[in-house]
Amino acid sequence: MDASPLTSRQRRHLKGLAQRLQPTVWVGEAGASEGVLRALDAALRHHELVKVRMRQPEDKKAMAAQLAAATGACLVGLVGHTAVLYRRNPDEPVIELPA
């Protein structure tokens, strides 16, 4: 799965939608394990826009990029230890992105 890049307008729109979301997936000390990736994949399939809370990673930017790459999602933003990921559902899209 390859995520198409988001425009700055689309990224801004998704960040606005993500403000009211609570973290759906938590990454513990073990890092991006198979279980975390399965849970993240299921959350992206169902919600499209997901917040992921990471517990004190050594390199949060690298971990967020790894999670996005492993699930075919786009990294929308990273604030503190929380990453926002987006992956469009090809069958039943929920979020309408601006052109």
Protein backbone atom coordinates (compact mmCIF):
# COMPACT_ATOMS: atom_id res chain seq x y z
CA MET A 1 0.00 0.00 0.00
CA ASP A 2 1.35 3.37 -0.94
CA ALA A 3 -0.12 6.55 0.47
CA SER A 4 -0.44 9.43 -1.96
CA PRO A 5 1.04 12.66 -0.61
CA LEU A 6 -1.33 15.16 0.94
CA THR A 7 -1.46 18.80 -0.06
CA SER A 8 -0.95 21.42 2.64
CA ARG A 9 -4.66 22.28 2.44
CA GLN A 10 -5.66 18.63 2.97
CA ARG A 11 -3.15 18.26 5.83
CA ARG A 12 -4.56 21.40 7.52
CA HIS A 13 -8.11 20.07 7.13
CA LEU A 14 -7.16 16.71 8.67
CA LYS A 15 -5.33 18.38 11.57
CA GLY A 16 -8.49 20.33 12.32
CA LEU A 17 -10.55 17.14 12.35
CA ALA A 18 -7.97 15.39 14.54
CA GLN A 19 -8.07 18.03 17.29
CA ARG A 20 -11.16 16.56 18.89
CA LEU A 21 -10.02 12.93 18.57
CA GLN A 22 -8.64 10.88 21.44
CA PRO A 23 -5.68 8.55 20.82
CA THR A 24 -6.93 5.25 19.40
CA VAL A 25 -3.68 3.26 19.42
CA TRP A 26 -0.92 3.31 22.02
CA VAL A 27 2.65 2.25 21.31
CA GLY A 28 4.37 0.98 24.45
CA GLU A 29 7.98 0.39 25.34
CA ALA A 30 8.15 -2.58 22.95
CA GLY A 31 7.73 -0.20 20.01
CA ALA A 32 5.91 -0.98 16.77
CA SER A 33 5.16 -4.66 17.42
CA GLU A 34 2.96 -6.86 15.21
CA GLY A 35 0.03 -6.36 17.58
CA VAL A 36 0.36 -2.57 17.45
CA LEU A 37 0.53 -2.62 13.65
CA ARG A 38 -2.57 -4.87 13.43
CA ALA A 39 -4.49 -2.58 15.80
CA LEU A 40 -3.40 0.49 13.85
CA ASP A 41 -4.36 -1.09 10.53
CA ALA A 42 -7.82 -1.95 11.88
CA ALA A 43 -8.28 1.55 13.32
CA LEU A 44 -7.28 3.17 10.01
CA ARG A 45 -9.63 0.88 8.09
CA HIS A 46 -12.52 1.85 10.34
CA HIS A 47 -11.82 5.54 11.09
CA GLU A 48 -9.39 6.71 8.36
CA LEU A 49 -7.96 9.38 10.72
CA VAL A 50 -6.25 8.07 13.84
CA LYS A 51 -4.19 9.46 16.70
CA VAL A 52 -1.34 7.26 17.92
CA ARG A 53 0.22 7.90 21.33
CA MET A 54 3.83 6.80 21.69
CA ARG A 55 5.38 6.17 25.09
CA GLN A 56 8.69 8.03 25.17
CA PRO A 57 10.28 6.73 21.95
CA GLU A 58 13.97 7.45 21.37
CA ASP A 59 13.16 9.07 18.02
CA LYS A 60 9.47 9.97 17.75
CA LYS A 61 9.76 11.25 14.15
CA ALA A 62 11.32 7.98 13.01
CA MET A 63 8.72 5.89 14.87
CA ALA A 64 5.83 7.92 13.41
CA ALA A 65 7.30 7.52 9.91
CA GLN A 66 7.76 3.78 10.52
CA LEU A 67 4.11 3.39 11.63
CA ALA A 68 2.90 5.32 8.58
CA ALA A 69 5.05 3.30 6.18
CA ALA A 70 4.08 -0.04 7.73
CA THR A 71 0.36 0.70 7.35
CA GLY A 72 0.41 2.62 4.06
CA ALA A 73 -0.83 5.76 5.79
CA CYS A 74 0.13 9.42 5.51
CA LEU A 75 1.68 11.14 8.50
CA VAL A 76 -0.52 14.21 8.98
CA GLY A 77 1.25 15.66 11.98
CA LEU A 78 3.26 15.01 15.12
CA VAL A 79 2.65 16.90 18.36
CA GLY A 80 4.58 15.82 21.41
CA HIS A 81 4.38 12.03 21.56
CA THR A 82 1.17 11.88 19.52
CA ALA A 83 1.14 11.21 15.78
CA VAL A 84 -1.85 11.72 13.51
CA LEU A 85 -2.15 9.25 10.63
CA TYR A 86 -4.58 9.19 7.70
CA ARG A 87 -5.38 6.43 5.22
CA ARG A 88 -8.38 6.66 2.92
CA ASN A 89 -10.72 3.69 2.96
CA PRO A 90 -10.95 2.64 -0.72
CA ASP A 91 -14.36 0.95 -0.30
CA GLU A 92 -16.27 3.31 1.99
CA PRO A 93 -14.50 6.68 2.43
CA VAL A 94 -15.64 8.56 5.52
CA ILE A 95 -13.63 11.80 5.28
CA GLU A 96 -14.09 14.17 2.35
CA LEU A 97 -10.78 15.88 1.57
CA PRO A 98 -10.65 19.34 -0.01
CA ALA A 99 -9.34 19.38 -3.60
